Amino acid sequence: MRFLADECCDFSAVKAIRTAGHDVLCVAERNQRADDSEVIKIAAREKRILLTEDKDFGQLVYAYGQTIPGVIFLRFPSCARKSIAEDILKLINQQGENLIGCFTTVQPGHIRIAHPPQ
């Protein structure tokens, strides 16, 4: 699968996903300081699911109708951050292609997969 990691995304998740054989492009490695609308354009153009910890993408997708191949929104408090990589890999392994087109919220012990309005 193809992913785009926003600048705020925990790098341990990026490293784990890459190690598992997935294609992960990091905004920090390519377009540092890109604004959110540019990040969405990159994800859409390159057909990549966005990995982010920035809740603003929820507003862009739901309130402003931005279309994107998918979003995985990571919400981990500081006390649970060590499980991010393991939890995201578990999600990808279990859901795979089902994540395409969805807005997925991942929290410690909880995953919610929603289909944004088209």
N, C-alpha and C. Protein backbone atom coordinates (compact mmCIF):
# COMPACT_ATOMS: atom_id res chain seq x y z
N MET A 1 0.85 -1.18 0.00
CA MET A 1 0.00 0.00 0.00
C MET A 1 0.89 1.24 0.00
N ARG A 2 0.27 2.36 -0.37
CA ARG A 2 1.01 3.63 -0.47
C ARG A 2 0.48 4.61 0.57
N PHE A 3 1.40 5.23 1.30
CA PHE A 3 1.04 6.16 2.36
C PHE A 3 1.82 7.46 2.21
N LEU A 4 1.24 8.53 2.75
CA LEU A 4 1.89 9.82 2.86
C LEU A 4 1.85 10.20 4.33
N ALA A 5 3.02 10.34 4.94
CA ALA A 5 3.09 10.70 6.36
C ALA A 5 3.23 12.22 6.48
N ASP A 6 2.29 12.82 7.14
CA ASP A 6 2.32 14.25 7.42
C ASP A 6 3.52 14.54 8.32
N GLU A 7 3.96 15.79 8.34
CA GLU A 7 5.13 16.16 9.15
C GLU A 7 4.95 15.84 10.63
N CYS A 8 3.73 15.88 11.12
CA CYS A 8 3.50 15.65 12.54
C CYS A 8 3.40 14.17 12.89
N CYS A 9 3.46 13.30 11.90
CA CYS A 9 3.30 11.86 12.14
C CYS A 9 4.53 11.30 12.85
N ASP A 10 4.30 10.49 13.86
CA ASP A 10 5.36 9.86 14.63
C ASP A 10 6.23 9.00 13.69
N PHE A 11 7.53 9.24 13.69
CA PHE A 11 8.40 8.54 12.75
C PHE A 11 8.52 7.05 13.05
N SER A 12 8.24 6.63 14.27
CA SER A 12 8.29 5.19 14.56
C SER A 12 7.23 4.45 13.74
N ALA A 13 6.10 5.09 13.50
CA ALA A 13 5.06 4.49 12.67
C ALA A 13 5.53 4.40 11.22
N VAL A 14 6.16 5.46 10.73
CA VAL A 14 6.68 5.48 9.36
C VAL A 14 7.70 4.36 9.19
N LYS A 15 8.62 4.26 10.11
CA LYS A 15 9.67 3.25 10.03
C LYS A 15 9.08 1.84 10.04
N ALA A 16 8.11 1.59 10.90
CA ALA A 16 7.48 0.27 10.98
C ALA A 16 6.74 -0.09 9.70
N ILE A 17 6.04 0.88 9.12
CA ILE A 17 5.28 0.63 7.89
C ILE A 17 6.24 0.36 6.73
N ARG A 18 7.33 1.12 6.67
CA ARG A 18 8.33 0.89 5.63
C ARG A 18 8.97 -0.49 5.79
N THR A 19 9.31 -0.84 7.02
CA THR A 19 9.93 -2.14 7.29
C THR A 19 9.01 -3.28 6.88
N ALA A 20 7.71 -3.07 6.98
CA ALA A 20 6.73 -4.08 6.59
C ALA A 20 6.56 -4.16 5.07
N GLY A 21 7.27 -3.31 4.33
CA GLY A 21 7.26 -3.39 2.88
C GLY A 21 6.33 -2.43 2.16
N HIS A 22 5.75 -1.49 2.88
CA HIS A 22 4.84 -0.53 2.25
C HIS A 22 5.61 0.72 1.79
N ASP A 23 5.06 1.40 0.83
CA ASP A 23 5.63 2.61 0.26
C ASP A 23 5.14 3.80 1.09
N VAL A 24 6.06 4.43 1.82
CA VAL A 24 5.69 5.58 2.65
C VAL A 24 6.54 6.78 2.26
N LEU A 25 5.87 7.82 1.82
CA LEU A 25 6.53 9.09 1.51
C LEU A 25 6.28 10.02 2.70
N CYS A 26 7.32 10.68 3.17
CA CYS A 26 7.18 11.62 4.29
C CYS A 26 7.20 13.05 3.76
N VAL A 27 6.24 13.83 4.18
CA VAL A 27 6.20 15.24 3.80
C VAL A 27 7.49 15.92 4.26
N ALA A 28 7.99 15.57 5.43
CA ALA A 28 9.21 16.19 5.96
C ALA A 28 10.43 15.90 5.09
N GLU A 29 10.40 14.81 4.35
CA GLU A 29 11.53 14.45 3.50
C GLU A 29 11.42 15.09 2.10
N ARG A 30 10.25 15.56 1.77
CA ARG A 30 10.02 16.04 0.41
C ARG A 30 9.57 17.50 0.33
N ASN A 31 8.57 17.87 1.07
CA ASN A 31 7.96 19.21 1.00
C ASN A 31 7.84 19.79 2.40
N GLN A 32 8.94 20.03 3.06
CA GLN A 32 8.86 20.56 4.42
C GLN A 32 8.00 21.81 4.48
N ARG A 33 7.24 21.88 5.54
CA ARG A 33 6.36 23.02 5.82
C ARG A 33 5.22 23.18 4.79
N ALA A 34 4.87 22.10 4.13
CA ALA A 34 3.73 22.17 3.21
C ALA A 34 2.46 22.39 4.02
N ASP A 35 1.58 23.24 3.54
CA ASP A 35 0.33 23.44 4.27
C ASP A 35 -0.60 22.26 4.03
N ASP A 36 -1.64 22.17 4.83
CA ASP A 36 -2.54 21.02 4.79
C ASP A 36 -3.18 20.80 3.43
N SER A 37 -3.55 21.88 2.75
CA SER A 37 -4.18 21.71 1.44
C SER A 37 -3.19 21.14 0.43
N GLU A 38 -1.93 21.50 0.54
CA GLU A 38 -0.91 20.94 -0.35
C GLU A 38 -0.68 19.47 -0.03
N VAL A 39 -0.71 19.11 1.25
CA VAL A 39 -0.56 17.71 1.66
C VAL A 39 -1.69 16.87 1.06
N ILE A 40 -2.91 17.38 1.12
CA ILE A 40 -4.05 16.67 0.54
C ILE A 40 -3.87 16.50 -0.97
N LYS A 41 -3.38 17.54 -1.64
CA LYS A 41 -3.16 17.45 -3.09
C LYS A 41 -2.12 16.38 -3.42
N ILE A 42 -1.05 16.32 -2.64
CA ILE A 42 -0.01 15.31 -2.87
C ILE A 42 -0.61 13.91 -2.68
N ALA A 43 -1.34 13.71 -1.59
CA ALA A 43 -1.95 12.40 -1.32
C ALA A 43 -2.90 12.00 -2.45
N ALA A 44 -3.70 12.93 -2.92
CA ALA A 44 -4.66 12.63 -3.99
C ALA A 44 -3.95 12.34 -5.30
N ARG A 45 -3.00 13.17 -5.64
CA ARG A 45 -2.27 13.02 -6.91
C ARG A 45 -1.51 11.69 -6.96
N GLU A 46 -0.92 11.30 -5.82
CA GLU A 46 -0.09 10.09 -5.78
C GLU A 46 -0.84 8.87 -5.25
N LYS A 47 -2.14 9.05 -5.00
CA LYS A 47 -2.99 7.96 -4.51
C LYS A 47 -2.40 7.30 -3.26
N ARG A 48 -2.18 8.14 -2.25
CA ARG A 48 -1.60 7.69 -0.99
C ARG A 48 -2.57 7.97 0.16
N ILE A 49 -2.65 7.04 1.08
CA ILE A 49 -3.43 7.24 2.31
C ILE A 49 -2.59 8.11 3.23
N LEU A 50 -3.21 9.15 3.75
CA LEU A 50 -2.51 10.09 4.62
C LEU A 50 -2.44 9.56 6.06
N LEU A 51 -1.25 9.58 6.63
CA LEU A 51 -1.04 9.28 8.05
C LEU A 51 -0.80 10.61 8.74
N THR A 52 -1.57 10.91 9.77
CA THR A 52 -1.43 12.21 10.42
C THR A 52 -1.83 12.15 11.88
N GLU A 53 -1.36 13.12 12.62
CA GLU A 53 -1.81 13.35 13.99
C GLU A 53 -2.46 14.73 14.09
N ASP A 54 -2.73 15.33 12.95
CA ASP A 54 -3.28 16.68 12.85
C ASP A 54 -4.80 16.60 12.63
N LYS A 55 -5.56 17.03 13.62
CA LYS A 55 -7.02 16.93 13.52
C LYS A 55 -7.62 17.86 12.48
N ASP A 56 -6.84 18.81 11.97
CA ASP A 56 -7.35 19.71 10.94
C ASP A 56 -7.77 18.97 9.68
N PHE A 57 -7.18 17.81 9.43
CA PHE A 57 -7.55 17.05 8.22
C PHE A 57 -8.99 16.54 8.32
N GLY A 58 -9.47 16.29 9.51
CA GLY A 58 -10.87 15.90 9.67
C GLY A 58 -11.78 17.02 9.21
N GLN A 59 -11.45 18.24 9.56
CA GLN A 59 -12.26 19.38 9.13
C GLN A 59 -12.19 19.55 7.61
N LEU A 60 -11.00 19.39 7.04
CA LEU A 60 -10.87 19.54 5.59
C LEU A 60 -11.68 18.48 4.84
N VAL A 61 -11.69 17.27 5.35
CA VAL A 61 -12.42 16.18 4.69
C VAL A 61 -13.92 16.31 4.91
N TYR A 62 -14.34 16.52 6.16
CA TYR A 62 -15.77 16.52 6.47
C TYR A 62 -16.45 17.87 6.23
N ALA A 63 -15.85 18.95 6.68
CA ALA A 63 -16.50 20.26 6.56
C ALA A 63 -16.32 20.89 5.18
N TYR A 64 -15.16 20.65 4.58
CA TYR A 64 -14.86 21.30 3.30
C TYR A 64 -14.90 20.35 2.11
N GLY A 65 -15.19 19.08 2.37
CA GLY A 65 -15.38 18.12 1.29
C GLY A 65 -14.15 17.79 0.47
N GLN A 66 -12.97 17.97 1.04
CA GLN A 66 -11.75 17.61 0.32
C GLN A 66 -11.73 16.10 0.08
N THR A 67 -11.45 15.70 -1.13
CA THR A 67 -11.38 14.26 -1.41
C THR A 67 -9.93 13.81 -1.31
N ILE A 68 -9.77 12.64 -0.75
CA ILE A 68 -8.44 12.09 -0.48
C ILE A 68 -8.56 10.57 -0.50
N PRO A 69 -7.50 9.87 -0.89
CA PRO A 69 -7.58 8.40 -0.96
C PRO A 69 -7.82 7.73 0.39
N GLY A 70 -7.68 8.45 1.46
CA GLY A 70 -7.92 7.91 2.79
C GLY A 70 -7.08 8.66 3.81
N VAL A 71 -7.51 8.61 5.06
CA VAL A 71 -6.78 9.25 6.15
C VAL A 71 -6.73 8.26 7.31
N ILE A 72 -5.55 8.15 7.90
CA ILE A 72 -5.41 7.44 9.17
C ILE A 72 -4.97 8.48 10.17
N PHE A 73 -5.88 8.80 11.08
CA PHE A 73 -5.67 9.84 12.08
C PHE A 73 -5.25 9.15 13.38
N LEU A 74 -4.04 9.43 13.81
CA LEU A 74 -3.48 8.82 15.02
C LEU A 74 -3.70 9.73 16.22
N ARG A 75 -4.39 9.20 17.24
CA ARG A 75 -4.67 9.97 18.46
C ARG A 75 -4.13 9.19 19.65
N PHE A 76 -2.89 9.42 19.97
CA PHE A 76 -2.24 8.71 21.06
C PHE A 76 -1.71 9.70 22.09
N PRO A 77 -2.16 9.58 23.34
CA PRO A 77 -1.61 10.45 24.37
C PRO A 77 -0.15 10.07 24.63
N SER A 78 0.58 10.97 25.25
CA SER A 78 2.01 10.73 25.47
C SER A 78 2.29 9.43 26.22
N CYS A 79 1.41 9.03 27.11
CA CYS A 79 1.63 7.81 27.89
C CYS A 79 1.46 6.54 27.07
N ALA A 80 0.91 6.63 25.85
CA ALA A 80 0.66 5.45 25.03
C ALA A 80 1.41 5.47 23.70
N ARG A 81 2.28 6.41 23.51
CA ARG A 81 2.93 6.60 22.22
C ARG A 81 3.81 5.42 21.80
N LYS A 82 4.30 4.66 22.73
CA LYS A 82 5.18 3.55 22.37
C LYS A 82 4.44 2.45 21.60
N SER A 83 3.11 2.47 21.60
CA SER A 83 2.36 1.44 20.89
C SER A 83 1.88 1.88 19.50
N ILE A 84 2.22 3.10 19.08
CA ILE A 84 1.75 3.60 17.78
C ILE A 84 2.14 2.67 16.64
N ALA A 85 3.42 2.34 16.53
CA ALA A 85 3.90 1.52 15.41
C ALA A 85 3.20 0.17 15.38
N GLU A 86 3.09 -0.47 16.52
CA GLU A 86 2.44 -1.78 16.59
C GLU A 86 0.97 -1.68 16.21
N ASP A 87 0.27 -0.67 16.71
CA ASP A 87 -1.16 -0.51 16.43
C ASP A 87 -1.44 -0.19 14.97
N ILE A 88 -0.59 0.64 14.36
CA ILE A 88 -0.83 1.00 12.96
C ILE A 88 -0.56 -0.20 12.05
N LEU A 89 0.47 -0.97 12.35
CA LEU A 89 0.74 -2.17 11.55
C LEU A 89 -0.39 -3.19 11.69
N LYS A 90 -0.90 -3.33 12.87
CA LYS A 90 -2.03 -4.24 13.09
C LYS A 90 -3.22 -3.80 12.25
N LEU A 91 -3.52 -2.51 12.25
CA LEU A 91 -4.61 -1.97 11.45
C LEU A 91 -4.41 -2.27 9.97
N ILE A 92 -3.23 -1.97 9.45
CA ILE A 92 -2.95 -2.18 8.03
C ILE A 92 -3.06 -3.66 7.68
N ASN A 93 -2.52 -4.52 8.52
CA ASN A 93 -2.58 -5.96 8.26
C ASN A 93 -4.00 -6.50 8.29
N GLN A 94 -4.83 -5.98 9.18
CA GLN A 94 -6.20 -6.47 9.31
C GLN A 94 -7.14 -5.86 8.28
N GLN A 95 -6.97 -4.60 7.97
CA GLN A 95 -7.92 -3.90 7.10
C GLN A 95 -7.42 -3.69 5.67
N GLY A 96 -6.14 -3.54 5.48
CA GLY A 96 -5.55 -3.40 4.15
C GLY A 96 -6.30 -2.46 3.23
N GLU A 97 -6.72 -2.97 2.09
CA GLU A 97 -7.38 -2.17 1.06
C GLU A 97 -8.70 -1.56 1.54
N ASN A 98 -9.28 -2.08 2.61
CA ASN A 98 -10.53 -1.51 3.16
C ASN A 98 -10.33 -0.09 3.68
N LEU A 99 -9.08 0.33 3.88
CA LEU A 99 -8.79 1.67 4.38
C LEU A 99 -8.90 2.73 3.29
N ILE A 100 -8.87 2.30 2.04
CA ILE A 100 -8.92 3.25 0.93
C ILE A 100 -10.28 3.94 0.92
N GLY A 101 -10.24 5.27 0.86
CA GLY A 101 -11.46 6.07 0.83
C GLY A 101 -12.07 6.34 2.19
N CYS A 102 -11.45 5.84 3.25
CA CYS A 102 -12.01 5.98 4.60
C CYS A 102 -11.24 6.99 5.43
N PHE A 103 -11.90 7.48 6.45
CA PHE A 103 -11.26 8.30 7.48
C PHE A 103 -11.20 7.41 8.72
N THR A 104 -10.00 6.96 9.04
CA THR A 104 -9.81 6.00 10.12
C THR A 104 -9.13 6.69 11.29
N THR A 105 -9.73 6.57 12.46
CA THR A 105 -9.16 7.13 13.68
C THR A 105 -8.64 5.97 14.52
N VAL A 106 -7.37 6.08 14.90
CA VAL A 106 -6.73 5.03 15.69
C VAL A 106 -6.33 5.62 17.03
N GLN A 107 -6.85 5.01 18.09
CA GLN A 107 -6.51 5.37 19.45
C GLN A 107 -6.08 4.10 20.16
N PRO A 108 -5.38 4.20 21.28
CA PRO A 108 -5.01 2.99 22.00
C PRO A 108 -6.25 2.14 22.31
N GLY A 109 -6.26 0.93 21.78
CA GLY A 109 -7.37 0.01 22.05
C GLY A 109 -8.65 0.28 21.29
N HIS A 110 -8.64 1.23 20.35
CA HIS A 110 -9.88 1.57 19.64
C HIS A 110 -9.57 2.05 18.22
N ILE A 111 -10.34 1.52 17.27
CA ILE A 111 -10.23 1.94 15.87
C ILE A 111 -11.63 2.24 15.36
N ARG A 112 -11.76 3.38 14.68
CA ARG A 112 -13.04 3.74 14.07
C ARG A 112 -12.81 4.04 12.61
N ILE A 113 -13.51 3.34 11.75
CA ILE A 113 -13.38 3.52 10.31
C ILE A 113 -14.69 4.13 9.81
N ALA A 114 -14.58 5.30 9.22
CA ALA A 114 -15.77 6.01 8.72
C ALA A 114 -15.60 6.29 7.23
N HIS A 115 -16.72 6.38 6.56
CA HIS A 115 -16.75 6.73 5.14
C HIS A 115 -17.24 8.17 5.01
N PRO A 116 -16.36 9.10 4.68
CA PRO A 116 -16.78 10.50 4.55
C PRO A 116 -17.81 10.66 3.43
N PRO A 117 -18.65 11.68 3.51
CA PRO A 117 -19.62 11.93 2.44
C PRO A 117 -18.89 12.23 1.14
N GLN A 118 -19.44 11.80 0.05
CA GLN A 118 -18.80 12.02 -1.27
C GLN A 118 -19.31 13.28 -1.89
